[in-house]
Amino acid sequence: MEKIADGNVDEAFRVLVGTMLSAQTKDAVTLAASTRLFEVATTPTALAQLSVHRIERLIYPVSFYRHKAKHVKATSRLLLSQHGGKVPTTMGELLGLPGVGRKTANLVLTLAYKSTSNICVDTHVHRISNRLGWVKTKTPEQTEQALYEVVPRRWWPRVNQFLVTWGQNVCRPVYPVCERCAIEDTCPRLGVTRIGR
């Protein structure tokens, strides 16, 4: 098993909370919400002291902001009571935090702790990996496991950053802009029924 670097504790907490807020929310909305929240509370101690209602007001209008506010507060408390106020460095411990799934855990490990043993799979990575025929899977979790088998290890930490940007701008969920794509001539376009301009 790879030894995870200690990383920056503040950065790990920011990545953790920011990713928790990002689920099913546009990047610009997440950035604004995270900025407001971190102007008030930058540590698990400070965040745990805020009321759920105050957190809701700070992170609105992220999707499911009421649930996310509860999870962020509960996670901050758990970090204090069980992890010495630090974000864990293992998948198992991260998944034990309220509101944290594999996407969030993998992003914390790759971005904050510089892990080279994880692939973060979100909706863009899942969609594009299937469109390209790299994998044939139904869920992001299945895609993550399948990608470990087909992507060279040196690219694992970078898969997410490359495919998310590509998925937002070119290989979009609906009406992908294939004529602007660098691999237009070789892409099998699996599952693509309509193309955008």
Protein backbone atom coordinates (compact mmCIF):
# COMPACT_ATOMS: atom_id res chain seq x y z
CA MET A 1 0.00 0.00 0.00
CA GLU A 2 1.24 3.45 -0.91
CA LYS A 3 2.32 5.74 1.90
CA ILE A 4 0.22 8.91 1.70
CA ALA A 5 2.11 12.14 2.27
CA ASP A 6 0.97 14.24 5.19
CA GLY A 7 -0.01 17.01 2.81
CA ASN A 8 -1.41 20.31 3.93
CA VAL A 9 -4.04 19.87 6.66
CA ASP A 10 -5.86 23.08 5.74
CA GLU A 11 -5.84 22.12 2.06
CA ALA A 12 -7.21 18.65 2.84
CA PHE A 13 -10.10 20.16 4.83
CA ARG A 14 -10.87 22.65 2.05
CA VAL A 15 -10.83 19.92 -0.60
CA LEU A 16 -13.02 17.69 1.56
CA VAL A 17 -15.67 20.33 2.29
CA GLY A 18 -15.57 21.85 -1.20
CA THR A 19 -16.07 18.46 -2.80
CA MET A 20 -18.91 17.64 -0.41
CA LEU A 21 -20.63 20.84 -1.53
CA SER A 22 -20.00 20.21 -5.22
CA ALA A 23 -22.24 17.18 -5.75
CA GLN A 24 -24.82 17.95 -8.46
CA THR A 25 -23.89 21.64 -8.35
CA LYS A 26 -22.26 23.83 -10.98
CA ASP A 27 -18.63 24.75 -10.34
CA ALA A 28 -19.30 28.50 -10.12
CA VAL A 29 -22.01 27.96 -7.48
CA THR A 30 -19.75 25.61 -5.51
CA LEU A 31 -16.85 28.07 -5.62
CA ALA A 32 -19.02 30.94 -4.38
CA ALA A 33 -20.53 28.81 -1.59
CA SER A 34 -17.14 27.45 -0.49
CA THR A 35 -15.67 30.95 -0.48
CA ARG A 36 -18.50 32.27 1.74
CA LEU A 37 -18.18 29.31 4.10
CA PHE A 38 -14.38 29.50 4.40
CA GLU A 39 -14.51 33.24 5.07
CA VAL A 40 -16.36 32.32 8.27
CA ALA A 41 -14.84 28.93 9.20
CA THR A 42 -11.60 27.44 7.89
CA THR A 43 -11.07 24.61 10.36
CA PRO A 44 -13.12 21.67 11.66
CA THR A 45 -13.27 23.39 15.06
CA ALA A 46 -14.69 26.62 13.64
CA LEU A 47 -17.12 24.83 11.34
CA ALA A 48 -18.37 22.50 14.10
CA GLN A 49 -19.27 25.56 16.17
CA LEU A 50 -21.57 26.98 13.49
CA SER A 51 -25.26 26.12 13.58
CA VAL A 52 -26.65 24.02 10.75
CA HIS A 53 -28.90 26.97 9.87
CA ARG A 54 -25.89 29.30 9.54
CA ILE A 55 -24.08 26.77 7.33
CA GLU A 56 -27.22 26.46 5.18
CA ARG A 57 -27.30 30.23 4.68
CA LEU A 58 -23.61 30.34 3.79
CA ILE A 59 -23.72 27.51 1.23
CA TYR A 60 -27.08 28.26 -0.40
CA PRO A 61 -27.86 27.76 -3.34
CA VAL A 62 -25.82 24.54 -3.72
CA SER A 63 -28.02 21.55 -4.49
CA PHE A 64 -29.35 19.75 -1.40
CA TYR A 65 -27.88 22.51 0.78
CA ARG A 66 -29.85 21.43 3.87
CA HIS A 67 -28.47 17.86 3.74
CA LYS A 68 -24.98 19.12 2.90
CA ALA A 69 -25.02 21.57 5.83
CA LYS A 70 -25.82 18.71 8.23
CA HIS A 71 -23.12 16.50 6.69
CA VAL A 72 -20.46 19.22 6.79
CA LYS A 73 -21.17 19.95 10.46
CA ALA A 74 -21.30 16.25 11.40
CA THR A 75 -18.07 15.58 9.48
CA SER A 76 -16.32 18.46 11.25
CA ARG A 77 -17.39 17.07 14.63
CA LEU A 78 -16.22 13.58 13.68
CA LEU A 79 -12.86 14.90 12.51
CA LEU A 80 -12.44 16.48 15.95
CA SER A 81 -13.67 13.53 18.02
CA GLN A 82 -12.08 10.66 16.08
CA HIS A 83 -9.25 12.05 13.94
CA GLY A 84 -7.57 14.75 16.00
CA GLY A 85 -9.05 17.48 13.82
CA LYS A 86 -7.29 16.15 10.71
CA VAL A 87 -8.75 14.79 7.49
CA PRO A 88 -7.99 11.05 7.29
CA THR A 89 -5.52 9.71 4.74
CA THR A 90 -7.19 6.36 4.03
CA MET A 91 -10.17 5.47 1.87
CA GLY A 92 -11.86 3.52 4.67
CA GLU A 93 -11.66 6.36 7.17
CA LEU A 94 -12.79 8.94 4.62
CA LEU A 95 -15.80 6.82 3.66
CA GLY A 96 -16.73 6.72 7.38
CA LEU A 97 -17.38 10.48 7.31
CA PRO A 98 -21.01 11.65 6.83
CA GLY A 99 -21.78 12.60 3.23
CA VAL A 100 -18.46 11.32 1.87
CA GLY A 101 -18.50 8.87 -1.03
CA ARG A 102 -15.76 7.44 -3.23
CA LYS A 103 -15.59 10.51 -5.50
CA THR A 104 -14.94 12.84 -2.57
CA ALA A 105 -12.53 10.44 -0.88
CA ASN A 106 -10.52 9.90 -4.07
CA LEU A 107 -10.35 13.64 -4.74
CA VAL A 108 -9.07 14.33 -1.21
CA LEU A 109 -6.45 11.60 -1.58
CA THR A 110 -5.22 12.74 -5.00
CA LEU A 111 -5.40 16.53 -4.56
CA ALA A 112 -4.61 17.09 -0.89
CA TYR A 113 -2.45 14.05 -0.13
CA LYS A 114 -0.88 13.59 -3.59
CA SER A 115 -1.83 9.91 -3.82
CA THR A 116 -0.87 8.21 -7.07
CA SER A 117 -3.01 5.15 -6.30
CA ASN A 118 -6.48 6.61 -6.81
CA ILE A 119 -8.74 7.54 -9.71
CA CYS A 120 -11.51 10.01 -8.95
CA VAL A 121 -14.59 9.18 -11.01
CA ASP A 122 -17.43 11.66 -11.29
CA THR A 123 -20.24 11.86 -13.84
CA HIS A 124 -17.93 13.26 -16.54
CA VAL A 125 -15.25 10.59 -16.11
CA HIS A 126 -17.92 7.87 -16.06
CA ARG A 127 -19.65 9.16 -19.20
CA ILE A 128 -16.52 9.82 -21.26
CA SER A 129 -14.81 6.55 -20.31
CA ASN A 130 -17.87 4.69 -21.60
CA ARG A 131 -18.21 6.86 -24.73
CA LEU A 132 -14.61 6.15 -25.63
CA GLY A 133 -15.07 2.44 -25.05
CA TRP A 134 -12.38 2.29 -22.37
CA VAL A 135 -14.93 0.62 -20.09
CA LYS A 136 -18.44 -0.73 -20.32
CA THR A 137 -19.99 0.06 -16.96
CA LYS A 138 -23.23 1.29 -15.46
CA THR A 139 -22.08 3.18 -12.37
CA PRO A 140 -19.21 5.50 -11.43
CA GLU A 141 -18.04 2.93 -8.86
CA GLN A 142 -17.83 0.24 -11.56
CA THR A 143 -16.04 2.71 -13.82
CA GLU A 144 -13.44 3.46 -11.15
CA GLN A 145 -12.61 -0.21 -10.71
CA ALA A 146 -12.52 -0.84 -14.48
CA LEU A 147 -10.26 2.18 -15.10
CA TYR A 148 -7.62 0.77 -12.74
CA GLU A 149 -7.31 -2.10 -15.22
CA VAL A 150 -7.07 -0.07 -18.45
CA VAL A 151 -5.42 3.26 -17.59
CA PRO A 152 -1.64 3.31 -17.05
CA ARG A 153 -0.93 3.96 -13.38
CA ARG A 154 1.02 7.18 -14.01
CA TRP A 155 -2.24 8.78 -15.28
CA TRP A 156 -4.50 7.72 -12.39
CA PRO A 157 -4.28 11.01 -10.40
CA ARG A 158 -4.83 13.07 -13.58
CA VAL A 159 -7.77 11.26 -15.17
CA ASN A 160 -10.32 13.38 -13.32
CA GLN A 161 -8.80 16.79 -14.05
CA PHE A 162 -8.45 16.03 -17.76
CA LEU A 163 -11.84 14.42 -18.35
CA VAL A 164 -13.88 16.83 -16.22
CA THR A 165 -12.67 19.87 -18.16
CA TRP A 166 -13.19 18.03 -21.44
CA GLY A 167 -16.65 16.87 -20.33
CA GLN A 168 -17.75 20.37 -19.37
CA ASN A 169 -16.58 21.99 -22.60
CA VAL A 170 -16.49 19.43 -25.42
CA CYS A 171 -17.76 15.95 -24.58
CA ARG A 172 -20.86 17.29 -22.85
CA PRO A 173 -23.65 15.06 -21.52
CA VAL A 174 -26.12 16.27 -24.13
CA TYR A 175 -25.05 17.47 -27.57
CA PRO A 176 -21.29 16.87 -27.34
CA VAL A 177 -19.35 19.21 -29.62
CA CYS A 178 -17.58 16.49 -31.59
CA GLU A 179 -16.30 18.81 -34.33
CA ARG A 180 -14.18 20.63 -31.69
CA CYS A 181 -12.80 17.39 -30.26
CA ALA A 182 -9.12 16.52 -30.69
CA ILE A 183 -9.95 12.83 -31.14
CA GLU A 184 -13.03 13.25 -33.34
CA ASP A 185 -11.66 10.92 -36.04
CA THR A 186 -10.94 8.03 -33.65
CA CYS A 187 -13.72 8.35 -31.06
CA PRO A 188 -16.33 5.56 -31.30
CA ARG A 189 -18.98 7.92 -29.78
CA LEU A 190 -20.63 5.05 -27.97
CA GLY A 191 -24.09 6.09 -26.82
CA VAL A 192 -23.98 9.47 -28.56
CA THR A 193 -27.25 10.06 -30.42
CA ARG A 194 -27.11 13.81 -31.05
CA ILE A 195 -24.18 16.10 -31.70
CA GLY A 196 -23.99 19.79 -30.83
CA ARG A 197 -22.43 22.68 -32.71
